[in-house]
PDB file of N, CA and C in Angstrom:
ATOM      1  N   MET A   1      98.859  77.934 126.178  1.00  0.00           N
ATOM      2  CA  MET A   1      99.472  78.967 127.001  1.00  0.00           C
ATOM      3  C   MET A   1      99.081  79.409 127.878  1.00  0.00           C
ATOM      4  N   GLY A   2      98.210  79.082 128.849  1.00  0.00           N
ATOM      5  CA  GLY A   2      97.200  79.740 129.674  1.00  0.00           C
ATOM      6  C   GLY A   2      98.313  80.283 131.218  1.00  0.00           C
ATOM      7  N   TRP A   3      99.229  79.734 130.940  1.00  0.00           N
ATOM      8  CA  TRP A   3      99.504  79.526 132.471  1.00  0.00           C
ATOM      9  C   TRP A   3     100.765  81.096 132.147  1.00  0.00           C
ATOM     10  N   MET A   4     100.938  81.586 130.701  1.00  0.00           N
ATOM     11  CA  MET A   4     101.884  82.596 130.818  1.00  0.00           C
ATOM     12  C   MET A   4     101.110  83.880 130.348  1.00  0.00           C
ATOM     13  N   ALA A   5     101.616  84.901 130.656  1.00  0.00           N
ATOM     14  CA  ALA A   5     100.910  86.405 130.583  1.00  0.00           C
ATOM     15  C   ALA A   5     101.285  86.824 129.075  1.00  0.00           C
ATOM     16  N   TRP A   6     100.695  86.112 128.188  1.00  0.00           N
ATOM     17  CA  TRP A   6     100.360  86.873 126.510  1.00  0.00           C
ATOM     18  C   TRP A   6      99.846  88.010 126.822  1.00  0.00           C
ATOM     19  N   ASN A   7     100.505  88.847 126.272  1.00  0.00           N
ATOM     20  CA  ASN A   7      98.998  90.034 125.999  1.00  0.00           C
ATOM     21  C   ASN A   7      99.737  91.010 124.998  1.00  0.00           C
ATOM     22  N   TRP A   8      98.866  91.949 124.614  1.00  0.00           N
ATOM     23  CA  TRP A   8      99.960  92.649 123.241  1.00  0.00           C
ATOM     24  C   TRP A   8     101.258  93.728 123.643  1.00  0.00           C
ATOM     25  N   HIS A   9     101.562  93.867 125.412  1.00  0.00           N
ATOM     26  CA  HIS A   9     102.980  94.013 126.014  1.00  0.00           C
ATOM     27  C   HIS A   9     103.257  93.071 125.545  1.00  0.00           C
ATOM     28  N   THR A  10     103.304  91.507 126.070  1.00  0.00           N
ATOM     29  CA  THR A  10     104.704  90.785 125.329  1.00  0.00           C
ATOM     30  C   THR A  10     105.107  90.238 124.019  1.00  0.00           C
ATOM     31  N   ALA A  11     104.059  90.860 123.298  1.00  0.00           N
ATOM     32  CA  ALA A  11     104.259  90.755 121.923  1.00  0.00           C
ATOM     33  C   ALA A  11     104.826  91.525 121.503  1.00  0.00           C
ATOM     34  N   VAL A  12     104.912  93.094 121.712  1.00  0.00           N
ATOM     35  CA  VAL A  12     105.535  94.196 121.718  1.00  0.00           C
ATOM     36  C   VAL A  12     106.867  94.316 122.182  1.00  0.00           C
ATOM     37  N   PHE A  13     107.008  93.863 123.136  1.00  0.00           N
ATOM     38  CA  PHE A  13     108.097  93.343 123.613  1.00  0.00           C
ATOM     39  C   PHE A  13     108.998  92.486 123.106  1.00  0.00           C
ATOM     40  N   PHE A  14     108.880  91.169 122.951  1.00  0.00           N
ATOM     41  CA  PHE A  14     109.251  89.864 121.846  1.00  0.00           C
ATOM     42  C   PHE A  14     109.417  90.964 120.513  1.00  0.00           C
ATOM     43  N   LEU A  15     108.882  91.208 119.905  1.00  0.00           N
ATOM     44  CA  LEU A  15     108.941  91.875 118.719  1.00  0.00           C
ATOM     45  C   LEU A  15     110.242  92.909 118.874  1.00  0.00           C
ATOM     46  N   VAL A  16     110.234  94.227 119.884  1.00  0.00           N
ATOM     47  CA  VAL A  16     111.053  95.234 119.645  1.00  0.00           C
ATOM     48  C   VAL A  16     112.641  94.419 120.037  1.00  0.00           C
ATOM     49  N   ILE A  17     112.957  93.243 120.641  1.00  0.00           N
ATOM     50  CA  ILE A  17     113.999  92.038 120.659  1.00  0.00           C
ATOM     51  C   ILE A  17     113.989  91.639 119.267  1.00  0.00           C
ATOM     52  N   ALA A  18     113.334  91.269 118.572  1.00  0.00           N
ATOM     53  CA  ALA A  18     113.517  90.449 116.968  1.00  0.00           C
ATOM     54  C   ALA A  18     114.246  91.695 116.314  1.00  0.00           C
ATOM     55  N   LEU A  19     113.531  92.690 116.286  1.00  0.00           N
ATOM     56  CA  LEU A  19     113.856  93.837 115.737  1.00  0.00           C
ATOM     57  C   LEU A  19     115.384  94.512 115.880  1.00  0.00           C
ATOM     58  N   LEU A  20     115.416  94.483 116.827  1.00  0.00           N
ATOM     59  CA  LEU A  20     117.092  95.104 117.072  1.00  0.00           C
ATOM     60  C   LEU A  20     117.916  94.000 116.859  1.00  0.00           C
ATOM     61  N   LEU A  21     117.622  92.822 117.005  1.00  0.00           N
ATOM     62  CA  LEU A  21     118.740  91.522 116.464  1.00  0.00           C
ATOM     63  C   LEU A  21     118.936  91.742 115.506  1.00  0.00           C
ATOM     64  N   ALA A  22     117.150  91.829 114.895  1.00  0.00           N
ATOM     65  CA  ALA A  22     117.668  92.063 112.933  1.00  0.00           C
ATOM     66  C   ALA A  22     118.246  92.971 112.412  1.00  0.00           C
ATOM     67  N   LEU A  23     118.212  94.329 113.433  1.00  0.00           N
ATOM     68  CA  LEU A  23     118.646  95.748 113.084  1.00  0.00           C
ATOM     69  C   LEU A  23     120.575  95.338 112.868  1.00  0.00           C
ATOM     70  N   MET A  24     120.784  94.616 114.239  1.00  0.00           N
ATOM     71  CA  MET A  24     122.627  94.370 114.295  1.00  0.00           C
ATOM     72  C   MET A  24     122.974  93.320 113.490  1.00  0.00           C
ATOM     73  N   THR A  25     122.382  92.712 112.896  1.00  0.00           N
ATOM     74  CA  THR A  25     122.878  91.701 111.893  1.00  0.00           C
ATOM     75  C   THR A  25     122.767  92.294 110.433  1.00  0.00           C
ATOM     76  N   VAL A  26     122.045  93.102 110.142  1.00  0.00           N
ATOM     77  CA  VAL A  26     121.947  93.822 108.487  1.00  0.00           C
ATOM     78  C   VAL A  26     123.026  94.562 108.957  1.00  0.00           C
ATOM     79  N   LEU A  27     123.186  95.897 110.012  1.00  0.00           N
ATOM     80  CA  LEU A  27     124.529  96.741 110.374  1.00  0.00           C
ATOM     81  C   LEU A  27     126.070  95.777 110.586  1.00  0.00           C
ATOM     82  N   ALA A  28     126.240  94.868 111.080  1.00  0.00           N
ATOM     83  CA  ALA A  28     127.326  94.249 110.922  1.00  0.00           C
ATOM     84  C   ALA A  28     127.683  93.680 109.976  1.00  0.00           C
ATOM     85  N   ILE A  29     126.368  93.089 108.736  1.00  0.00           N
ATOM     86  CA  ILE A  29     126.955  92.857 107.338  1.00  0.00           C
ATOM     87  C   ILE A  29     127.353  93.857 106.440  1.00  0.00           C
ATOM     88  N   THR A  30     126.699  95.178 106.740  1.00  0.00           N
ATOM     89  CA  THR A  30     126.391  96.095 105.889  1.00  0.00           C
ATOM     90  C   THR A  30     127.588  97.205 105.993  1.00  0.00           C
ATOM     91  N   ARG A  31     127.701  97.187 107.723  1.00  0.00           N
ATOM     92  CA  ARG A  31     128.945  98.285 107.917  1.00  0.00           C
ATOM     93  C   ARG A  31     129.397  97.493 108.983  1.00  0.00           C
ATOM     94  N   PRO A  32     130.632  96.762 108.849  1.00  0.00           N
ATOM     95  CA  PRO A  32     131.453  96.464 109.652  1.00  0.00           C
ATOM     96  C   PRO A  32     131.729  96.939 110.904  1.00  0.00           C
ATOM     97  N   GLU A  33     132.570  96.893 112.207  1.00  0.00           N
ATOM     98  CA  GLU A  33     132.520  97.611 113.285  1.00  0.00           C
ATOM     99  C   GLU A  33     133.822  97.376 113.850  1.00  0.00           C
ATOM    100  N   THR A  34     134.679  97.497 114.188  1.00  0.00           N
ATOM    101  CA  THR A  34     136.185  96.903 114.746  1.00  0.00           C
ATOM    102  C   THR A  34     135.204  97.552 116.588  1.00  0.00           C
ATOM    103  N   PRO A  35     135.622  96.743 116.844  1.00  0.00           N
ATOM    104  CA  PRO A  35     135.637  97.274 118.780  1.00  0.00           C
ATOM    105  C   PRO A  35     136.459  98.503 118.782  1.00  0.00           C
ATOM    106  N   ARG A  36     135.641  98.903 119.919  1.00  0.00           N
ATOM    107  CA  ARG A  36     136.312 100.330 120.433  1.00  0.00           C
ATOM    108  C   ARG A  36     135.705 100.181 122.277  1.00  0.00           C
ATOM    109  N   ARG A  37     137.113 100.927 122.968  1.00  0.00           N
ATOM    110  CA  ARG A  37     136.982 101.125 124.907  1.00  0.00           C
ATOM    111  C   ARG A  37     136.930 102.268 124.779  1.00  0.00           C
ATOM    112  N   GLY A  38     135.852 102.227 125.369  1.00  0.00           N
ATOM    113  CA  GLY A  38     134.789 102.866 126.466  1.00  0.00           C
ATOM    114  C   GLY A  38     134.872 103.395 127.803  1.00  0.00           C
ATOM    115  N   ILE A  39     134.262 103.670 128.117  1.00  0.00           N
ATOM    116  CA  ILE A  39     133.990 104.218 129.631  1.00  0.00           C
ATOM    117  C   ILE A  39     133.949 102.509 130.495  1.00  0.00           C
ATOM    118  N   LEU A  40     134.027 101.446 129.503  1.00  0.00           N
ATOM    119  CA  LEU A  40     133.618  99.866 130.522  1.00  0.00           C
ATOM    120  C   LEU A  40     135.048  99.841 130.235  1.00  0.00           C
ATOM    121  N   ARG A  41     135.733  99.900 130.072  1.00  0.00           N
ATOM    122  CA  ARG A  41     137.486  99.806 129.774  1.00  0.00           C
ATOM    123  C   ARG A  41     137.525  98.435 129.123  1.00  0.00           C
ATOM    124  N   PHE A  42     136.784  97.884 128.411  1.00  0.00           N
ATOM    125  CA  PHE A  42     137.166  96.713 127.619  1.00  0.00           C
ATOM    126  C   PHE A  42     136.876  96.589 125.908  1.00  0.00           C
ATOM    127  N   PRO A  43     137.132  96.333 124.853  1.00  0.00           N
ATOM    128  CA  PRO A  43     136.645  96.753 123.307  1.00  0.00           C
ATOM    129  C   PRO A  43     135.099  96.116 123.638  1.00  0.00           C
ATOM    130  N   THR A  44     134.373  96.867 123.076  1.00  0.00           N
ATOM    131  CA  THR A  44     133.225  96.314 123.026  1.00  0.00           C
ATOM    132  C   THR A  44     132.680  96.760 121.516  1.00  0.00           C
ATOM    133  N   THR A  45     131.352  95.882 120.769  1.00  0.00           N
ATOM    134  CA  THR A  45     130.863  96.130 119.676  1.00  0.00           C
ATOM    135  C   THR A  45     129.472  96.495 119.938  1.00  0.00           C
ATOM    136  N   ARG A  46     128.787  96.723 119.007  1.00  0.00           N
ATOM    137  CA  ARG A  46     127.453  97.058 118.980  1.00  0.00           C
ATOM    138  C   ARG A  46     126.447  96.124 119.578  1.00  0.00           C
ATOM    139  N   GLY A  47     127.040  94.932 119.620  1.00  0.00           N
ATOM    140  CA  GLY A  47     126.299  94.207 119.860  1.00  0.00           C
ATOM    141  C   GLY A  47     126.607  93.639 121.178  1.00  0.00           C
ATOM    142  N   ASP A  48     127.645  93.918 121.457  1.00  0.00           N
ATOM    143  CA  ASP A  48     127.817  94.136 123.408  1.00  0.00           C
ATOM    144  C   ASP A  48     127.170  95.021 123.652  1.00  0.00           C
ATOM    145  N   ARG A  49     126.728  96.071 123.261  1.00  0.00           N
ATOM    146  CA  ARG A  49     126.574  97.192 123.650  1.00  0.00           C
ATOM    147  C   ARG A  49     124.779  96.983 123.973  1.00  0.00           C
ATOM    148  N   LEU A  50     124.417  96.666 123.194  1.00  0.00           N
ATOM    149  CA  LEU A  50     123.180  96.466 122.878  1.00  0.00           C
ATOM    150  C   LEU A  50     122.885  94.826 124.096  1.00  0.00           C
ATOM    151  N   PHE A  51     123.373  94.570 124.181  1.00  0.00           N
ATOM    152  CA  PHE A  51     123.656  93.448 125.202  1.00  0.00           C
ATOM    153  C   PHE A  51     123.286  94.235 126.831  1.00  0.00           C
ATOM    154  N   VAL A  52     124.896  94.643 127.018  1.00  0.00           N
ATOM    155  CA  VAL A  52     124.679  95.872 128.184  1.00  0.00           C
ATOM    156  C   VAL A  52     123.693  96.311 128.424  1.00  0.00           C
ATOM    157  N   SER A  53     123.138  97.167 127.510  1.00  0.00           N
ATOM    158  CA  SER A  53     122.157  97.655 127.391  1.00  0.00           C
ATOM    159  C   SER A  53     120.897  96.897 128.096  1.00  0.00           C
ATOM    160  N   LEU A  54     120.378  96.278 127.779  1.00  0.00           N
ATOM    161  CA  LEU A  54     119.144  95.320 128.273  1.00  0.00           C
ATOM    162  C   LEU A  54     119.244  94.339 129.321  1.00  0.00           C
ATOM    163  N   ILE A  55     120.506  94.160 129.585  1.00  0.00           N
ATOM    164  CA  ILE A  55     120.511  93.647 131.192  1.00  0.00           C
ATOM    165  C   ILE A  55     120.421  95.022 131.938  1.00  0.00           C
ATOM    166  N   GLY A  56     120.948  96.043 131.543  1.00  0.00           N
ATOM    167  CA  GLY A  56     120.837  97.855 132.429  1.00  0.00           C
ATOM    168  C   GLY A  56     119.778  97.691 132.645  1.00  0.00           C
ATOM    169  N   THR A  57     119.000  97.528 131.834  1.00  0.00           N
ATOM    170  CA  THR A  57     117.246  98.735 131.515  1.00  0.00           C
ATOM    171  C   THR A  57     116.358  97.610 132.486  1.00  0.00           C
ATOM    172  N   ALA A  58     116.826  95.887 132.582  1.00  0.00           N
ATOM    173  CA  ALA A  58     115.725  94.937 132.891  1.00  0.00           C
ATOM    174  C   ALA A  58     116.236  95.511 134.673  1.00  0.00           C
ATOM    175  N   PHE A  59     117.733  95.832 135.089  1.00  0.00           N
ATOM    176  CA  PHE A  59     117.526  96.023 136.155  1.00  0.00           C
ATOM    177  C   PHE A  59     117.085  97.171 137.088  1.00  0.00           C
ATOM    178  N   ILE A  60     117.508  98.277 135.999  1.00  0.00           N
ATOM    179  CA  ILE A  60     116.605  99.664 136.486  1.00  0.00           C
ATOM    180  C   ILE A  60     115.299  99.368 136.592  1.00  0.00           C
ATOM    181  N   TYR A  61     114.468  98.494 135.558  1.00  0.00           N
ATOM    182  CA  TYR A  61     113.086  98.569 135.999  1.00  0.00           C
ATOM    183  C   TYR A  61     112.746  97.638 137.288  1.00  0.00           C
ATOM    184  N   ILE A  62     113.897  96.259 137.616  1.00  0.00           N
ATOM    185  CA  ILE A  62     113.644  96.013 138.529  1.00  0.00           C
ATOM    186  C   ILE A  62     113.438  96.746 139.897  1.00  0.00           C
ATOM    187  N   LEU A  63     114.519  97.361 140.166  1.00  0.00           N
ATOM    188  CA  LEU A  63     114.942  98.184 140.627  1.00  0.00           C
ATOM    189  C   LEU A  63     113.928  99.013 141.385  1.00  0.00           C
ATOM    190  N   TRP A  64     113.295  99.722 140.362  1.00  0.00           N
ATOM    191  CA  TRP A  64     112.276 100.809 140.393  1.00  0.00           C
ATOM    192  C   TRP A  64     110.973 100.374 140.960  1.00  0.00           C
ATOM    193  N   ILE A  65     110.907  98.862 140.660  1.00  0.00           N
ATOM    194  CA  ILE A  65     109.550  98.670 140.563  1.00  0.00           C
ATOM    195  C   ILE A  65     109.620  97.713 142.476  1.00  0.00           C
ATOM    196  N   ARG A  66     110.941  97.397 142.773  1.00  0.00           N
ATOM    197  CA  ARG A  66     111.227  97.034 144.145  1.00  0.00           C
ATOM    198  C   ARG A  66     110.980  98.201 144.904  1.00  0.00           C
ATOM    199  N   PHE A  67     111.471  99.862 144.513  1.00  0.00           N
ATOM    200  CA  PHE A  67     111.731 100.461 145.838  1.00  0.00           C
ATOM    201  C   PHE A  67     110.641 101.464 145.448  1.00  0.00           C
ATOM    202  N   THR A  68     110.200 101.522 144.683  1.00  0.00           N
ATOM    203  CA  THR A  68     108.676 102.630 144.308  1.00  0.00           C
ATOM    204  C   THR A  68     107.468 101.892 144.570  1.00  0.00           C
ATOM    205  N   GLY A  69     107.116 100.615 144.276  1.00  0.00           N
ATOM    206  CA  GLY A  69     106.160  99.484 144.295  1.00  0.00           C
ATOM    207  C   GLY A  69     105.582  99.829 142.563  1.00  0.00           C
ATOM    208  N   GLY A  70     106.086 100.566 141.719  1.00  0.00           N
ATOM    209  CA  GLY A  70     106.063 100.367 140.299  1.00  0.00           C
ATOM    210  C   GLY A  70     104.900 100.584 140.055  1.00  0.00           C
ATOM    211  N   ASN A  71     104.017 101.730 140.708  1.00  0.00           N
ATOM    212  CA  ASN A  71     103.113 102.452 140.629  1.00  0.00           C
ATOM    213  C   ASN A  71     102.827 103.358 138.932  1.00  0.00           C
ATOM    214  N   THR A  72     103.918 104.242 138.370  1.00  0.00           N
ATOM    215  CA  THR A  72     103.847 104.592 137.303  1.00  0.00           C
ATOM    216  C   THR A  72     105.995 103.986 136.708  1.00  0.00           C
ATOM    217  N   MET A  73     105.375 103.914 135.458  1.00  0.00           N
ATOM    218  CA  MET A  73     106.559 102.914 134.957  1.00  0.00           C
ATOM    219  C   MET A  73     107.206 104.420 133.717  1.00  0.00           C
ATOM    220  N   TRP A  74     106.914 105.171 133.880  1.00  0.00           N
ATOM    221  CA  TRP A  74     107.686 106.559 132.937  1.00  0.00           C
ATOM    222  C   TRP A  74     108.850 106.941 133.694  1.00  0.00           C
ATOM    223  N   ALA A  75     108.934 107.186 134.448  1.00  0.00           N
ATOM    224  CA  ALA A  75     110.192 107.340 134.895  1.00  0.00           C
ATOM    225  C   ALA A  75     111.554 106.051 134.533  1.00  0.00           C
ATOM    226  N   PRO A  76     111.288 105.142 134.907  1.00  0.00           N
ATOM    227  CA  PRO A  76     112.429 104.286 134.653  1.00  0.00           C
ATOM    228  C   PRO A  76     112.437 103.637 132.886  1.00  0.00           C
ATOM    229  N   LEU A  77     111.472 104.436 132.395  1.00  0.00           N
ATOM    230  CA  LEU A  77     111.503 104.510 130.754  1.00  0.00           C
ATOM    231  C   LEU A  77     112.241 105.820 130.840  1.00  0.00           C
ATOM    232  N   VAL A  78     112.343 106.843 130.992  1.00  0.00           N
ATOM    233  CA  VAL A  78     113.342 107.635 130.753  1.00  0.00           C
ATOM    234  C   VAL A  78     114.602 107.598 131.392  1.00  0.00           C
ATOM    235  N   ILE A  79     115.055 106.310 132.721  1.00  0.00           N
ATOM    236  CA  ILE A  79     116.247 106.396 132.831  1.00  0.00           C
ATOM    237  C   ILE A  79     116.899 105.724 132.058  1.00  0.00           C
ATOM    238  N   SER A  80     115.990 104.472 131.430  1.00  0.00           N
ATOM    239  CA  SER A  80     116.492 103.518 130.659  1.00  0.00           C
ATOM    240  C   SER A  80     117.077 104.490 129.143  1.00  0.00           C
ATOM    241  N   ILE A  81     116.196 105.466 129.016  1.00  0.00           N
ATOM    242  CA  ILE A  81     116.536 105.613 127.437  1.00  0.00           C
ATOM    243  C   ILE A  81     118.169 106.372 127.527  1.00  0.00           C
ATOM    244  N   LEU A  82     117.948 107.362 128.621  1.00  0.00           N
ATOM    245  CA  LEU A  82     119.139 107.866 129.203  1.00  0.00           C
ATOM    246  C   LEU A  82     120.461 106.937 129.283  1.00  0.00           C
ATOM    247  N   TYR A  83     120.046 105.875 130.118  1.00  0.00           N
ATOM    248  CA  TYR A  83     121.045 104.896 130.233  1.00  0.00           C
ATOM    249  C   TYR A  83     121.516 104.535 129.359  1.00  0.00           C
ATOM    250  N   VAL A  84     120.763 103.684 127.704  1.00  0.00           N
ATOM    251  CA  VAL A  84     120.937 102.982 126.652  1.00  0.00           C
ATOM    252  C   VAL A  84     121.920 103.775 126.024  1.00  0.00           C
ATOM    253  N   THR A  85     121.058 105.366 126.121  1.00  0.00           N
ATOM    254  CA  THR A  85     121.978 106.557 125.342  1.00  0.00           C
ATOM    255  C   THR A  85     123.324 106.956 125.181  1.00  0.00           C
ATOM    256  N   ALA A  86     123.537 106.991 126.713  1.00  0.00           N
ATOM    257  CA  ALA A  86     125.008 106.783 127.190  1.00  0.00           C
ATOM    258  C   ALA A  86     126.121 105.906 126.842  1.00  0.00           C
ATOM    259  N   MET A  87     125.286 104.590 127.118  1.00  0.00           N
ATOM    260  CA  MET A  87     125.966 103.132 126.947  1.00  0.00           C
ATOM    261  C   MET A  87     126.268 103.112 125.160  1.00  0.00           C
ATOM    262  N   PHE A  88     125.628 103.310 124.730  1.00  0.00           N
ATOM    263  CA  PHE A  88     126.474 103.892 123.070  1.00  0.00           C
ATOM    264  C   PHE A  88     126.842 104.851 123.030  1.00  0.00           C
ATOM    265  N   ARG A  89     126.856 105.763 123.566  1.00  0.00           N
ATOM    266  CA  ARG A  89     127.649 107.023 123.042  1.00  0.00           C
ATOM    267  C   ARG A  89     129.072 107.029 123.873  1.00  0.00           C
ATOM    268  N   PHE A  90     128.944 106.092 125.176  1.00  0.00           N
ATOM    269  CA  PHE A  90     130.356 106.896 125.964  1.00  0.00           C
ATOM    270  C   PHE A  90     131.123 104.932 125.979  1.00  0.00           C
ATOM    271  N   ALA A  91     130.949 103.903 125.920  1.00  0.00           N
ATOM    272  CA  ALA A  91     130.752 102.570 125.976  1.00  0.00           C
ATOM    273  C   ALA A  91     131.410 102.190 125.040  1.00  0.00           C
TER     274      ALA A  91
END
């Protein structure tokens, strides 16, 4: 697999995604949820909000790298955390 950039950063990324999916599965089993309408104006569940949060975070990082060159990645991390918090709180 030399053609891929497998390093510890990549492993942590996929591990976090796997843990989030496992957490969502456990929450769905132990604490079922009814969809709620928020700022998105359509009913969403925890899984929907997680998916939208992951896609939005990817776009935040892509746009950050595009417009700033990606010298530091702390600012998009803070923006992403605020975005995910808002998505789970208000969406």
